[in-house]
C-alpha cells in the first residue's frame, strides 16, 4: 500500500502560550473491518414429471383349428364348389405390460464455501504533535 500523506492543521491552542501547561490528545484513525452475510439468491430443488405418449407395435400370434369340408359328390363342377371352412380358436398371445422406474442419473446438490480476497484501499489519518516557536 502506498503512503500518500497530506498535512492538515487543527490547532486548539492559538495565541501565546506563556507559563501554562498544555496537553494534547494525539489521535489516529484505525480501520475496523466488519463483515456481514448478505443472501444473494435462493434455490428450490424439486423433481418435475413429464408425460410422453408412446406407441408400440407388438406382433401377436394365435393358433386356430381349421376344418375344411368339401363336397365330393356335388353335381356342380369342382371349380365352382366352395368348400365350407370352420375356424376354432385354440389359443392366442395377449399383450400385458407393467411400468417401473429405472434410475437414469444421480444428481447431487450441495453447498460449498469459497474464500476470495478483496483488496480495499483507504486513507487513514493520524495526528502528530507540532510545536512552533516564534520570537517576540
C-alpha atoms as a PDB file:
ATOM      1  CA  UNK A   1       0.000   0.000   0.000  1.00  0.00           C
ATOM      2  CA  UNK A   2       1.426   3.346  -0.956  1.00  0.00           C
ATOM      3  CA  UNK A   3       1.911   6.009   1.686  1.00  0.00           C
ATOM      4  CA  UNK A   4       0.185   9.149   0.497  1.00  0.00           C
ATOM      5  CA  UNK A   5       0.341  11.738   3.253  1.00  0.00           C
ATOM      6  CA  UNK A   6      -1.130  15.157   3.414  1.00  0.00           C
ATOM      7  CA  UNK A   7      -0.979  17.779   6.150  1.00  0.00           C
ATOM      8  CA  UNK A   8      -3.995  19.259   7.852  1.00  0.00           C
ATOM      9  CA  UNK A   9      -3.553  21.599  10.796  1.00  0.00           C
ATOM     10  CA  UNK A  10      -6.014  21.868  13.612  1.00  0.00           C
ATOM     11  CA  UNK A  11      -4.547  23.929  16.422  1.00  0.00           C
ATOM     12  CA  UNK A  12      -6.724  24.223  19.502  1.00  0.00           C
ATOM     13  CA  UNK A  13      -4.071  26.350  21.230  1.00  0.00           C
ATOM     14  CA  UNK A  14      -3.685  29.529  19.234  1.00  0.00           C
ATOM     15  CA  UNK A  15      -2.142  32.652  20.545  1.00  0.00           C
ATOM     16  CA  UNK A  16       0.578  32.937  23.105  1.00  0.00           C
ATOM     17  CA  UNK A  17       1.316  30.163  25.499  1.00  0.00           C
ATOM     18  CA  UNK A  18       3.230  31.576  28.449  1.00  0.00           C
ATOM     19  CA  UNK A  19       3.592  29.601  31.629  1.00  0.00           C
ATOM     20  CA  UNK A  20       0.557  27.417  31.187  1.00  0.00           C
ATOM     21  CA  UNK A  21       0.835  23.687  30.813  1.00  0.00           C
ATOM     22  CA  UNK A  22      -0.806  22.251  27.714  1.00  0.00           C
ATOM     23  CA  UNK A  23      -1.944  18.748  26.943  1.00  0.00           C
ATOM     24  CA  UNK A  24      -2.944  17.347  23.600  1.00  0.00           C
ATOM     25  CA  UNK A  25      -4.560  14.055  22.836  1.00  0.00           C
ATOM     26  CA  UNK A  26      -2.971  12.710  19.693  1.00  0.00           C
ATOM     27  CA  UNK A  27      -5.335  10.528  17.683  1.00  0.00           C
ATOM     28  CA  UNK A  28      -5.150   8.265  14.687  1.00  0.00           C
ATOM     29  CA  UNK A  29      -7.863   6.683  12.599  1.00  0.00           C
ATOM     30  CA  UNK A  30      -7.996   2.943  12.772  1.00  0.00           C
ATOM     31  CA  UNK A  31      -9.875   0.649  10.470  1.00  0.00           C
ATOM     32  CA  UNK A  32     -12.387  -1.772  11.909  1.00  0.00           C
ATOM     33  CA  UNK A  33     -13.390  -4.439   9.430  1.00  0.00           C
ATOM     34  CA  UNK A  34     -16.942  -5.705   9.756  1.00  0.00           C
ATOM     35  CA  UNK A  35     -18.240  -8.487   7.559  1.00  0.00           C
ATOM     36  CA  UNK A  36     -21.910  -9.371   7.352  1.00  0.00           C
ATOM     37  CA  UNK A  37     -23.644 -12.152   5.470  1.00  0.00           C
ATOM     38  CA  UNK A  38     -25.855 -11.000   2.605  1.00  0.00           C
ATOM     39  CA  UNK A  39     -28.116 -13.547   0.950  1.00  0.00           C
ATOM     40  CA  UNK A  40     -27.932 -13.001  -2.786  1.00  0.00           C
ATOM     41  CA  UNK A  41     -30.042 -15.871  -4.052  1.00  0.00           C
ATOM     42  CA  UNK A  42     -32.326 -18.743  -3.179  1.00  0.00           C
ATOM     43  CA  UNK A  43     -32.576 -22.186  -4.728  1.00  0.00           C
ATOM     44  CA  UNK A  44     -35.504 -24.599  -4.679  1.00  0.00           C
ATOM     45  CA  UNK A  45     -34.814 -28.207  -5.528  1.00  0.00           C
ATOM     46  CA  UNK A  46     -37.589 -30.433  -6.824  1.00  0.00           C
ATOM     47  CA  UNK A  47     -38.394 -33.010  -9.484  1.00  0.00           C
ATOM     48  CA  UNK A  48     -40.760 -32.496 -12.369  1.00  0.00           C
ATOM     49  CA  UNK A  49     -42.531 -35.359 -14.114  1.00  0.00           C
ATOM     50  CA  UNK A  50     -43.393 -35.025 -17.782  1.00  0.00           C
ATOM     51  CA  UNK A  51     -45.879 -37.198 -19.649  1.00  0.00           C
ATOM     52  CA  UNK A  52     -44.967 -38.591 -23.047  1.00  0.00           C
ATOM     53  CA  UNK A  53     -47.201 -40.662 -25.292  1.00  0.00           C
ATOM     54  CA  UNK A  54     -45.514 -43.736 -26.789  1.00  0.00           C
ATOM     55  CA  UNK A  55     -46.857 -46.099 -29.457  1.00  0.00           C
ATOM     56  CA  UNK A  56     -45.646 -49.676 -29.688  1.00  0.00           C
ATOM     57  CA  UNK A  57     -46.253 -52.257 -32.394  1.00  0.00           C
ATOM     58  CA  UNK A  58     -46.193 -55.743 -30.925  1.00  0.00           C
ATOM     59  CA  UNK A  59     -46.721 -58.796 -33.152  1.00  0.00           C
ATOM     60  CA  UNK A  60     -49.048 -61.326 -31.520  1.00  0.00           C
ATOM     61  CA  UNK A  61     -49.692 -64.931 -32.556  1.00  0.00           C
ATOM     62  CA  UNK A  62     -52.804 -67.001 -32.375  1.00  0.00           C
ATOM     63  CA  UNK A  63     -53.493 -70.622 -33.081  1.00  0.00           C
ATOM     64  CA  UNK A  64     -56.673 -71.884 -34.631  1.00  0.00           C
ATOM     65  CA  UNK A  65     -58.013 -75.176 -35.831  1.00  0.00           C
ATOM     66  CA  UNK A  66     -59.234 -75.010 -39.419  1.00  0.00           C
ATOM     67  CA  UNK A  67     -61.766 -77.533 -40.702  1.00  0.00           C
ATOM     68  CA  UNK A  68     -62.446 -77.545 -44.438  1.00  0.00           C
ATOM     69  CA  UNK A  69     -65.357 -79.526 -45.763  1.00  0.00           C
ATOM     70  CA  UNK A  70     -65.506 -80.202 -49.491  1.00  0.00           C
ATOM     71  CA  UNK A  71     -68.466 -81.871 -51.044  1.00  0.00           C
ATOM     72  CA  UNK A  72     -67.074 -84.662 -53.163  1.00  0.00           C
ATOM     73  CA  UNK A  73     -70.331 -85.737 -54.763  1.00  0.00           C
ATOM     74  CA  UNK A  74     -71.725 -82.456 -55.833  1.00  0.00           C
ATOM     75  CA  UNK A  75     -73.437 -82.002 -59.216  1.00  0.00           C
ATOM     76  CA  UNK A  76     -71.664 -78.670 -59.709  1.00  0.00           C
ATOM     77  CA  UNK A  77     -68.252 -78.572 -61.325  1.00  0.00           C
ATOM     78  CA  UNK A  78     -65.279 -78.764 -58.914  1.00  0.00           C
ATOM     79  CA  UNK A  79     -64.082 -75.242 -59.645  1.00  0.00           C
ATOM     80  CA  UNK A  80     -67.348 -73.637 -58.634  1.00  0.00           C
ATOM     81  CA  UNK A  81     -67.993 -75.537 -55.427  1.00  0.00           C
ATOM     82  CA  UNK A  82     -66.650 -73.512 -52.485  1.00  0.00           C
ATOM     83  CA  UNK A  83     -65.502 -75.544 -49.519  1.00  0.00           C
ATOM     84  CA  UNK A  84     -67.103 -74.931 -46.153  1.00  0.00           C
ATOM     85  CA  UNK A  85     -64.478 -73.627 -43.670  1.00  0.00           C
ATOM     86  CA  UNK A  86     -64.865 -73.742 -39.898  1.00  0.00           C
ATOM     87  CA  UNK A  87     -62.302 -71.941 -37.691  1.00  0.00           C
ATOM     88  CA  UNK A  88     -61.936 -72.696 -33.980  1.00  0.00           C
ATOM     89  CA  UNK A  89     -59.603 -70.513 -31.881  1.00  0.00           C
ATOM     90  CA  UNK A  90     -57.311 -72.672 -29.762  1.00  0.00           C
ATOM     91  CA  UNK A  91     -55.045 -70.042 -28.214  1.00  0.00           C
ATOM     92  CA  UNK A  92     -53.615 -66.560 -28.636  1.00  0.00           C
ATOM     93  CA  UNK A  93     -50.933 -64.290 -27.210  1.00  0.00           C
ATOM     94  CA  UNK A  94     -52.176 -61.434 -25.101  1.00  0.00           C
ATOM     95  CA  UNK A  95     -50.142 -58.295 -24.551  1.00  0.00           C
ATOM     96  CA  UNK A  96     -49.678 -57.165 -20.984  1.00  0.00           C
ATOM     97  CA  UNK A  97     -47.324 -54.512 -19.723  1.00  0.00           C
ATOM     98  CA  UNK A  98     -46.026 -53.195 -16.457  1.00  0.00           C
ATOM     99  CA  UNK A  99     -44.375 -49.872 -15.837  1.00  0.00           C
ATOM    100  CA  UNK A 100     -41.472 -49.461 -13.451  1.00  0.00           C
ATOM    101  CA  UNK A 101     -38.988 -46.733 -12.605  1.00  0.00           C
ATOM    102  CA  UNK A 102     -35.410 -47.019 -13.851  1.00  0.00           C
ATOM    103  CA  UNK A 103     -32.569 -44.943 -12.387  1.00  0.00           C
ATOM    104  CA  UNK A 104     -31.222 -42.683 -15.124  1.00  0.00           C
ATOM    105  CA  UNK A 105     -28.822 -40.464 -13.226  1.00  0.00           C
ATOM    106  CA  UNK A 106     -27.869 -39.463  -9.723  1.00  0.00           C
ATOM    107  CA  UNK A 107     -27.974 -35.708  -9.137  1.00  0.00           C
ATOM    108  CA  UNK A 108     -26.138 -34.273  -6.142  1.00  0.00           C
ATOM    109  CA  UNK A 109     -26.760 -30.736  -4.943  1.00  0.00           C
ATOM    110  CA  UNK A 110     -24.545 -29.305  -2.244  1.00  0.00           C
ATOM    111  CA  UNK A 111     -23.198 -26.029  -0.912  1.00  0.00           C
ATOM    112  CA  UNK A 112     -19.554 -25.153  -0.585  1.00  0.00           C
ATOM    113  CA  UNK A 113     -17.705 -22.216   0.869  1.00  0.00           C
ATOM    114  CA  UNK A 114     -15.357 -20.307  -1.422  1.00  0.00           C
ATOM    115  CA  UNK A 115     -12.992 -17.776   0.057  1.00  0.00           C
ATOM    116  CA  UNK A 116     -11.864 -14.858  -2.069  1.00  0.00           C
ATOM    117  CA  UNK A 117      -9.588 -11.999  -1.148  1.00  0.00           C
ATOM    118  CA  UNK A 118     -10.889  -8.455  -1.625  1.00  0.00           C
ATOM    119  CA  UNK A 119      -8.368  -5.637  -1.744  1.00  0.00           C
ATOM    120  CA  UNK A 120      -9.591  -2.373  -0.229  1.00  0.00           C
ATOM    121  CA  UNK A 121      -7.602   0.843  -0.312  1.00  0.00           C
ATOM    122  CA  UNK A 122      -8.481   3.542   2.212  1.00  0.00           C
ATOM    123  CA  UNK A 123      -6.807   6.655   3.526  1.00  0.00           C
ATOM    124  CA  UNK A 124      -6.357   6.818   7.291  1.00  0.00           C
ATOM    125  CA  UNK A 125      -5.465   9.979   9.169  1.00  0.00           C
ATOM    126  CA  UNK A 126      -3.204  10.357  12.173  1.00  0.00           C
ATOM    127  CA  UNK A 127      -2.148  13.360  14.196  1.00  0.00           C
ATOM    128  CA  UNK A 128       1.378  14.427  15.008  1.00  0.00           C
ATOM    129  CA  UNK A 129       2.166  16.967  17.741  1.00  0.00           C
ATOM    130  CA  UNK A 130       3.863  20.026  16.317  1.00  0.00           C
ATOM    131  CA  UNK A 131       5.372  22.898  18.256  1.00  0.00           C
ATOM    132  CA  UNK A 132       6.019  26.230  16.555  1.00  0.00           C
ATOM    133  CA  UNK A 133       8.300  28.660  18.237  1.00  0.00           C
ATOM    134  CA  UNK A 134       8.239  32.315  17.271  1.00  0.00           C
ATOM    135  CA  UNK A 135      10.381  35.133  18.570  1.00  0.00           C
ATOM    136  CA  UNK A 136       8.655  38.107  20.162  1.00  0.00           C
END
